C-alpha atoms as a PDB file:
ATOM      1  CA  MET A   1     -34.632 -27.049  46.374  1.00  0.00           C
ATOM      2  CA  LEU A   2     -32.243 -25.799  43.704  1.00  0.00           C
ATOM      3  CA  SER A   3     -33.130 -26.471  40.096  1.00  0.00           C
ATOM      4  CA  ALA A   4     -30.469 -27.377  37.549  1.00  0.00           C
ATOM      5  CA  VAL A   5     -29.484 -24.631  35.119  1.00  0.00           C
ATOM      6  CA  TRP A   6     -28.169 -25.631  31.698  1.00  0.00           C
ATOM      7  CA  ILE A   7     -25.300 -23.465  30.510  1.00  0.00           C
ATOM      8  CA  CYS A   8     -24.303 -23.385  26.862  1.00  0.00           C
ATOM      9  CA  PRO A   9     -20.760 -24.805  26.625  1.00  0.00           C
ATOM     10  CA  GLU A  10     -19.737 -22.055  24.196  1.00  0.00           C
ATOM     11  CA  ALA A  11     -20.965 -19.358  26.557  1.00  0.00           C
ATOM     12  CA  ALA A  12     -19.218 -21.003  29.487  1.00  0.00           C
ATOM     13  CA  ALA A  13     -15.965 -21.128  27.579  1.00  0.00           C
ATOM     14  CA  GLY A  14     -16.284 -17.556  26.377  1.00  0.00           C
ATOM     15  CA  THR A  15     -16.372 -18.598  22.735  1.00  0.00           C
ATOM     16  CA  LYS A  16     -17.196 -15.837  20.260  1.00  0.00           C
ATOM     17  CA  LYS A  17     -19.335 -16.703  17.267  1.00  0.00           C
ATOM     18  CA  ILE A  18     -18.356 -14.939  14.043  1.00  0.00           C
ATOM     19  CA  LEU A  19     -20.856 -14.904  11.204  1.00  0.00           C
ATOM     20  CA  LEU A  20     -19.379 -14.744   7.699  1.00  0.00           C
ATOM     21  CA  PHE A  21     -22.217 -13.461   5.545  1.00  0.00           C
ATOM     22  CA  GLY A  22     -21.384 -13.448   1.879  1.00  0.00           C
ATOM     23  CA  ASP A  23     -21.355 -15.070  -1.543  1.00  0.00           C
ATOM     24  CA  SER A  24     -19.219 -17.776  -3.178  1.00  0.00           C
ATOM     25  CA  LEU A  25     -16.015 -16.083  -2.016  1.00  0.00           C
ATOM     26  CA  THR A  26     -17.123 -16.768   1.551  1.00  0.00           C
ATOM     27  CA  ALA A  27     -18.771 -20.117   0.811  1.00  0.00           C
ATOM     28  CA  GLY A  28     -15.535 -21.535  -0.590  1.00  0.00           C
ATOM     29  CA  TYR A  29     -16.571 -22.232  -4.177  1.00  0.00           C
ATOM     30  CA  GLY A  30     -14.387 -24.896  -5.787  1.00  0.00           C
ATOM     31  CA  LEU A  31     -12.498 -25.697  -2.587  1.00  0.00           C
ATOM     32  CA  PRO A  32     -12.605 -28.453   0.027  1.00  0.00           C
ATOM     33  CA  GLU A  33     -14.308 -27.228   3.198  1.00  0.00           C
ATOM     34  CA  GLN A  34     -11.025 -27.145   5.117  1.00  0.00           C
ATOM     35  CA  ASP A  35      -9.475 -24.792   2.539  1.00  0.00           C
ATOM     36  CA  ALA A  36     -12.381 -22.344   2.398  1.00  0.00           C
ATOM     37  CA  PHE A  37     -12.213 -18.898   3.983  1.00  0.00           C
ATOM     38  CA  PRO A  38     -14.372 -19.701   7.063  1.00  0.00           C
ATOM     39  CA  ALA A  39     -12.338 -22.752   8.100  1.00  0.00           C
ATOM     40  CA  ARG A  40      -9.017 -21.038   7.444  1.00  0.00           C
ATOM     41  CA  LEU A  41     -10.049 -17.921   9.373  1.00  0.00           C
ATOM     42  CA  GLU A  42     -11.198 -19.985  12.345  1.00  0.00           C
ATOM     43  CA  ALA A  43      -7.916 -21.927  12.328  1.00  0.00           C
ATOM     44  CA  ALA A  44      -5.858 -18.734  12.148  1.00  0.00           C
ATOM     45  CA  LEU A  45      -7.738 -17.149  15.049  1.00  0.00           C
ATOM     46  CA  SER A  46      -7.553 -20.313  17.131  1.00  0.00           C
ATOM     47  CA  ALA A  47      -3.804 -20.486  16.527  1.00  0.00           C
ATOM     48  CA  LYS A  48      -3.529 -17.001  18.034  1.00  0.00           C
ATOM     49  CA  GLY A  49      -5.391 -18.068  21.155  1.00  0.00           C
ATOM     50  CA  TYR A  50      -8.899 -16.815  20.373  1.00  0.00           C
ATOM     51  CA  ARG A  51     -11.886 -18.945  21.299  1.00  0.00           C
ATOM     52  CA  VAL A  52     -14.072 -18.627  18.231  1.00  0.00           C
ATOM     53  CA  ARG A  53     -16.578 -20.485  16.122  1.00  0.00           C
ATOM     54  CA  VAL A  54     -16.875 -19.225  12.574  1.00  0.00           C
ATOM     55  CA  ILE A  55     -20.261 -19.647  10.902  1.00  0.00           C
ATOM     56  CA  ASN A  56     -20.152 -20.064   7.125  1.00  0.00           C
ATOM     57  CA  ALA A  57     -23.171 -18.183   5.778  1.00  0.00           C
ATOM     58  CA  GLY A  58     -21.796 -17.831   2.272  1.00  0.00           C
ATOM     59  CA  SER A  59     -24.108 -18.602  -0.633  1.00  0.00           C
ATOM     60  CA  SER A  60     -22.759 -18.971  -4.156  1.00  0.00           C
ATOM     61  CA  GLY A  61     -24.343 -16.512  -6.567  1.00  0.00           C
ATOM     62  CA  ALA A  62     -25.709 -14.331  -3.769  1.00  0.00           C
ATOM     63  CA  THR A  63     -26.263 -10.656  -4.440  1.00  0.00           C
ATOM     64  CA  SER A  64     -27.229  -7.930  -2.012  1.00  0.00           C
ATOM     65  CA  VAL A  65     -30.837  -8.281  -3.206  1.00  0.00           C
ATOM     66  CA  GLY A  66     -32.762 -10.164  -0.553  1.00  0.00           C
ATOM     67  CA  ALA A  67     -29.713 -10.314   1.707  1.00  0.00           C
ATOM     68  CA  ALA A  68     -31.569  -8.824   4.649  1.00  0.00           C
ATOM     69  CA  ALA A  69     -34.225 -11.551   4.369  1.00  0.00           C
ATOM     70  CA  ARG A  70     -31.601 -14.306   4.095  1.00  0.00           C
ATOM     71  CA  LEU A  71     -29.886 -12.868   7.141  1.00  0.00           C
ATOM     72  CA  GLU A  72     -32.861 -13.770   9.314  1.00  0.00           C
ATOM     73  CA  TRP A  73     -32.176 -17.470   8.730  1.00  0.00           C
ATOM     74  CA  VAL A  74     -28.625 -17.271  10.033  1.00  0.00           C
ATOM     75  CA  LEU A  75     -29.290 -14.980  12.982  1.00  0.00           C
ATOM     76  CA  VAL A  76     -30.758 -17.964  14.809  1.00  0.00           C
ATOM     77  CA  ASP A  77     -27.137 -18.900  15.565  1.00  0.00           C
ATOM     78  CA  GLN A  78     -26.914 -15.690  17.647  1.00  0.00           C
ATOM     79  CA  PRO A  79     -23.500 -14.524  16.422  1.00  0.00           C
ATOM     80  CA  ASP A  80     -21.466 -12.002  18.385  1.00  0.00           C
ATOM     81  CA  LEU A  81     -19.739 -10.541  15.338  1.00  0.00           C
ATOM     82  CA  ALA A  82     -20.296 -10.501  11.585  1.00  0.00           C
ATOM     83  CA  VAL A  83     -18.151 -10.033   8.505  1.00  0.00           C
ATOM     84  CA  ILE A  84     -20.205  -8.899   5.512  1.00  0.00           C
ATOM     85  CA  GLU A  85     -18.753  -9.885   2.130  1.00  0.00           C
ATOM     86  CA  LEU A  86     -21.303  -9.029  -0.544  1.00  0.00           C
ATOM     87  CA  GLY A  87     -21.364  -7.055  -3.760  1.00  0.00           C
ATOM     88  CA  ALA A  88     -19.185  -8.986  -6.198  1.00  0.00           C
ATOM     89  CA  ASN A  89     -22.192 -10.435  -8.032  1.00  0.00           C
ATOM     90  CA  ASP A  90     -23.952  -7.061  -7.952  1.00  0.00           C
ATOM     91  CA  ALA A  91     -20.979  -5.537  -9.750  1.00  0.00           C
ATOM     92  CA  LEU A  92     -20.720  -8.371 -12.287  1.00  0.00           C
ATOM     93  CA  ARG A  93     -24.378  -7.762 -13.175  1.00  0.00           C
ATOM     94  CA  GLY A  94     -23.961  -4.005 -13.395  1.00  0.00           C
ATOM     95  CA  MET A  95     -26.405  -3.316 -10.573  1.00  0.00           C
ATOM     96  CA  ASP A  96     -26.903   0.303  -9.598  1.00  0.00           C
ATOM     97  CA  PRO A  97     -24.376   1.022  -6.810  1.00  0.00           C
ATOM     98  CA  GLN A  98     -26.988   3.009  -4.930  1.00  0.00           C
ATOM     99  CA  GLN A  99     -29.265  -0.031  -4.828  1.00  0.00           C
ATOM    100  CA  THR A 100     -26.409  -2.189  -3.560  1.00  0.00           C
ATOM    101  CA  LYS A 101     -25.709   0.437  -0.921  1.00  0.00           C
ATOM    102  CA  LYS A 102     -29.348   0.475   0.169  1.00  0.00           C
ATOM    103  CA  ASN A 103     -29.438  -3.324   0.400  1.00  0.00           C
ATOM    104  CA  LEU A 104     -26.246  -3.530   2.436  1.00  0.00           C
ATOM    105  CA  ALA A 105     -27.483  -0.745   4.697  1.00  0.00           C
ATOM    106  CA  GLY A 106     -30.452  -2.957   5.562  1.00  0.00           C
ATOM    107  CA  VAL A 107     -28.115  -5.790   6.534  1.00  0.00           C
ATOM    108  CA  ILE A 108     -25.963  -3.538   8.720  1.00  0.00           C
ATOM    109  CA  GLU A 109     -29.001  -2.003  10.402  1.00  0.00           C
ATOM    110  CA  ARG A 110     -30.353  -5.452  11.231  1.00  0.00           C
ATOM    111  CA  LEU A 111     -27.046  -6.596  12.702  1.00  0.00           C
ATOM    112  CA  GLN A 112     -26.666  -3.436  14.752  1.00  0.00           C
ATOM    113  CA  LYS A 113     -30.194  -3.863  16.066  1.00  0.00           C
ATOM    114  CA  GLU A 114     -29.001  -7.160  17.534  1.00  0.00           C
ATOM    115  CA  ARG A 115     -25.833  -5.471  18.880  1.00  0.00           C
ATOM    116  CA  ILE A 116     -23.623  -7.568  16.617  1.00  0.00           C
ATOM    117  CA  GLY A 117     -20.237  -6.045  15.787  1.00  0.00           C
ATOM    118  CA  VAL A 118     -19.703  -5.579  12.051  1.00  0.00           C
ATOM    119  CA  LEU A 119     -16.734  -5.683   9.705  1.00  0.00           C
ATOM    120  CA  LEU A 120     -17.700  -4.654   6.180  1.00  0.00           C
ATOM    121  CA  ALA A 121     -15.524  -6.063   3.401  1.00  0.00           C
ATOM    122  CA  GLY A 122     -15.439  -3.965   0.254  1.00  0.00           C
ATOM    123  CA  MET A 123     -15.504  -5.109  -3.345  1.00  0.00           C
ATOM    124  CA  LYS A 124     -14.482  -3.587  -6.665  1.00  0.00           C
ATOM    125  CA  ALA A 125     -16.421  -3.510  -9.930  1.00  0.00           C
ATOM    126  CA  PRO A 126     -15.065  -4.666 -13.297  1.00  0.00           C
ATOM    127  CA  LEU A 127     -13.459  -1.854 -15.254  1.00  0.00           C
ATOM    128  CA  ASN A 128     -15.531  -2.646 -18.358  1.00  0.00           C
ATOM    129  CA  PHE A 129     -18.503  -0.765 -16.881  1.00  0.00           C
ATOM    130  CA  GLY A 130     -16.523   2.470 -17.013  1.00  0.00           C
ATOM    131  CA  GLU A 131     -14.672   4.662 -14.548  1.00  0.00           C
ATOM    132  CA  THR A 132     -17.784   6.361 -13.151  1.00  0.00           C
ATOM    133  CA  TYR A 133     -19.426   3.054 -12.259  1.00  0.00           C
ATOM    134  CA  TYR A 134     -16.159   1.654 -10.907  1.00  0.00           C
ATOM    135  CA  ASN A 135     -15.618   4.628  -8.589  1.00  0.00           C
ATOM    136  CA  SER A 136     -19.242   4.770  -7.442  1.00  0.00           C
ATOM    137  CA  PHE A 137     -19.235   1.098  -6.565  1.00  0.00           C
ATOM    138  CA  GLU A 138     -15.967   1.247  -4.662  1.00  0.00           C
ATOM    139  CA  ARG A 139     -17.058   4.350  -2.736  1.00  0.00           C
ATOM    140  CA  LEU A 140     -20.307   2.863  -1.453  1.00  0.00           C
ATOM    141  CA  TYR A 141     -18.456   0.704   1.095  1.00  0.00           C
ATOM    142  CA  ALA A 142     -16.568   3.613   2.620  1.00  0.00           C
ATOM    143  CA  ASP A 143     -19.788   5.612   2.719  1.00  0.00           C
ATOM    144  CA  LEU A 144     -21.594   2.798   4.546  1.00  0.00           C
ATOM    145  CA  ALA A 145     -18.763   2.342   7.029  1.00  0.00           C
ATOM    146  CA  GLN A 146     -18.825   6.044   7.844  1.00  0.00           C
ATOM    147  CA  GLU A 147     -22.602   6.269   7.996  1.00  0.00           C
ATOM    148  CA  PHE A 148     -23.016   3.333  10.376  1.00  0.00           C
ATOM    149  CA  GLY A 149     -19.715   3.571  12.243  1.00  0.00           C
ATOM    150  CA  VAL A 150     -18.587   0.055  11.331  1.00  0.00           C
ATOM    151  CA  ALA A 151     -15.116  -1.265  10.585  1.00  0.00           C
ATOM    152  CA  LEU A 152     -14.106  -1.445   6.925  1.00  0.00           C
ATOM    153  CA  TYR A 153     -11.757  -3.797   5.112  1.00  0.00           C
ATOM    154  CA  PRO A 154     -11.542  -1.917   1.800  1.00  0.00           C
ATOM    155  CA  PHE A 155     -11.142  -4.834  -0.644  1.00  0.00           C
ATOM    156  CA  PHE A 156     -11.810  -8.459   0.224  1.00  0.00           C
ATOM    157  CA  LEU A 157      -9.603  -9.750  -2.619  1.00  0.00           C
ATOM    158  CA  ALA A 158      -6.664  -7.427  -1.916  1.00  0.00           C
ATOM    159  CA  GLY A 159      -3.414  -9.095  -2.952  1.00  0.00           C
ATOM    160  CA  VAL A 160      -5.295 -11.881  -4.740  1.00  0.00           C
ATOM    161  CA  ALA A 161      -7.366 -10.356  -7.559  1.00  0.00           C
ATOM    162  CA  GLY A 162      -5.631 -10.532 -10.913  1.00  0.00           C
ATOM    163  CA  ARG A 163      -2.912 -12.937  -9.754  1.00  0.00           C
ATOM    164  CA  GLU A 164      -3.173 -16.163 -11.725  1.00  0.00           C
ATOM    165  CA  GLU A 165      -1.218 -18.226  -9.204  1.00  0.00           C
ATOM    166  CA  LEU A 166      -3.671 -17.315  -6.419  1.00  0.00           C
ATOM    167  CA  ASN A 167      -6.893 -18.024  -8.290  1.00  0.00           C
ATOM    168  CA  GLN A 168      -8.758 -20.989  -9.686  1.00  0.00           C
ATOM    169  CA  ALA A 169      -9.037 -21.537 -13.430  1.00  0.00           C
ATOM    170  CA  ASP A 170     -11.995 -19.135 -13.690  1.00  0.00           C
ATOM    171  CA  GLY A 171      -9.766 -16.260 -12.611  1.00  0.00           C
ATOM    172  CA  ILE A 172     -12.411 -15.107 -10.140  1.00  0.00           C
ATOM    173  CA  HIS A 173     -12.387 -17.435  -7.164  1.00  0.00           C
ATOM    174  CA  PRO A 174      -9.242 -17.779  -5.020  1.00  0.00           C
ATOM    175  CA  ASN A 175      -7.520 -21.119  -4.704  1.00  0.00           C
ATOM    176  CA  ALA A 176      -6.207 -22.423  -1.385  1.00  0.00           C
ATOM    177  CA  ALA A 177      -3.109 -20.237  -1.624  1.00  0.00           C
ATOM    178  CA  GLY A 178      -5.283 -17.218  -2.413  1.00  0.00           C
ATOM    179  CA  VAL A 179      -7.495 -17.876   0.593  1.00  0.00           C
ATOM    180  CA  GLY A 180      -4.360 -17.955   2.698  1.00  0.00           C
ATOM    181  CA  VAL A 181      -3.481 -14.449   1.511  1.00  0.00           C
ATOM    182  CA  ILE A 182      -6.989 -13.176   2.238  1.00  0.00           C
ATOM    183  CA  VAL A 183      -6.931 -14.614   5.752  1.00  0.00           C
ATOM    184  CA  ARG A 184      -3.512 -13.152   6.484  1.00  0.00           C
ATOM    185  CA  ASN A 185      -4.544  -9.713   5.228  1.00  0.00           C
ATOM    186  CA  ILE A 186      -7.929  -9.479   6.934  1.00  0.00           C
ATOM    187  CA  LEU A 187      -6.878 -11.114  10.207  1.00  0.00           C
ATOM    188  CA  PRO A 188      -5.784  -7.879  11.974  1.00  0.00           C
ATOM    189  CA  GLN A 189      -9.194  -6.313  11.288  1.00  0.00           C
ATOM    190  CA  VAL A 190     -11.022  -9.361  12.614  1.00  0.00           C
ATOM    191  CA  GLU A 191      -8.810  -9.358  15.701  1.00  0.00           C
ATOM    192  CA  MET A 192      -9.655  -5.712  16.346  1.00  0.00           C
ATOM    193  CA  LEU A 193     -13.346  -6.554  16.046  1.00  0.00           C
ATOM    194  CA  LEU A 194     -12.926  -9.360  18.575  1.00  0.00           C
ATOM    195  CA  GLN A 195     -11.007  -7.182  21.018  1.00  0.00           C
ATOM    196  CA  HIS A 196     -13.582  -4.398  20.827  1.00  0.00           C
ATOM    197  CA  SER A 197     -16.377  -6.864  21.504  1.00  0.00           C
ATOM    198  CA  ASP A 198     -15.070  -7.729  24.983  1.00  0.00           C
END
């Protein structure tokens, strides 16, 4: 007698789960859910014919400290791919770039242990901490990408940072138009990650 076997609908449909692991820039601070980065990225990928479910694991105020521990909570969703967007709050607090690098390395190692494809999104530090700090912070993302062999999107806020019309009143968080720019710019990298995961 044959027993019934339950098949996850997402698995049957070939849906890829993309984990967005980050801070308020990922979470969608100050925006309706439909205008936040995760929803807009999912819509853009779906419009191009990809079967995806984007998991919003952004947490406002998050730093790289404790990120590896927080990651355990979201890995229960068993994502296929992950975009890491962390470091902005580290830089705003003047955290040692080497500590940020060590923390992010722990996140990447954990994801790779689960055979989850990774796209690392870089961040820049404020210039008021000086050129040495600024350069050290920016370089840590390229160093991590090379060390672990993961894809790198050099600056998450490329084309948005410093542009008043693309940011909310705080000048830090993108508005809906700014999120649109981010999605358009990062989309080719996410598509490459999806294609390489097949």
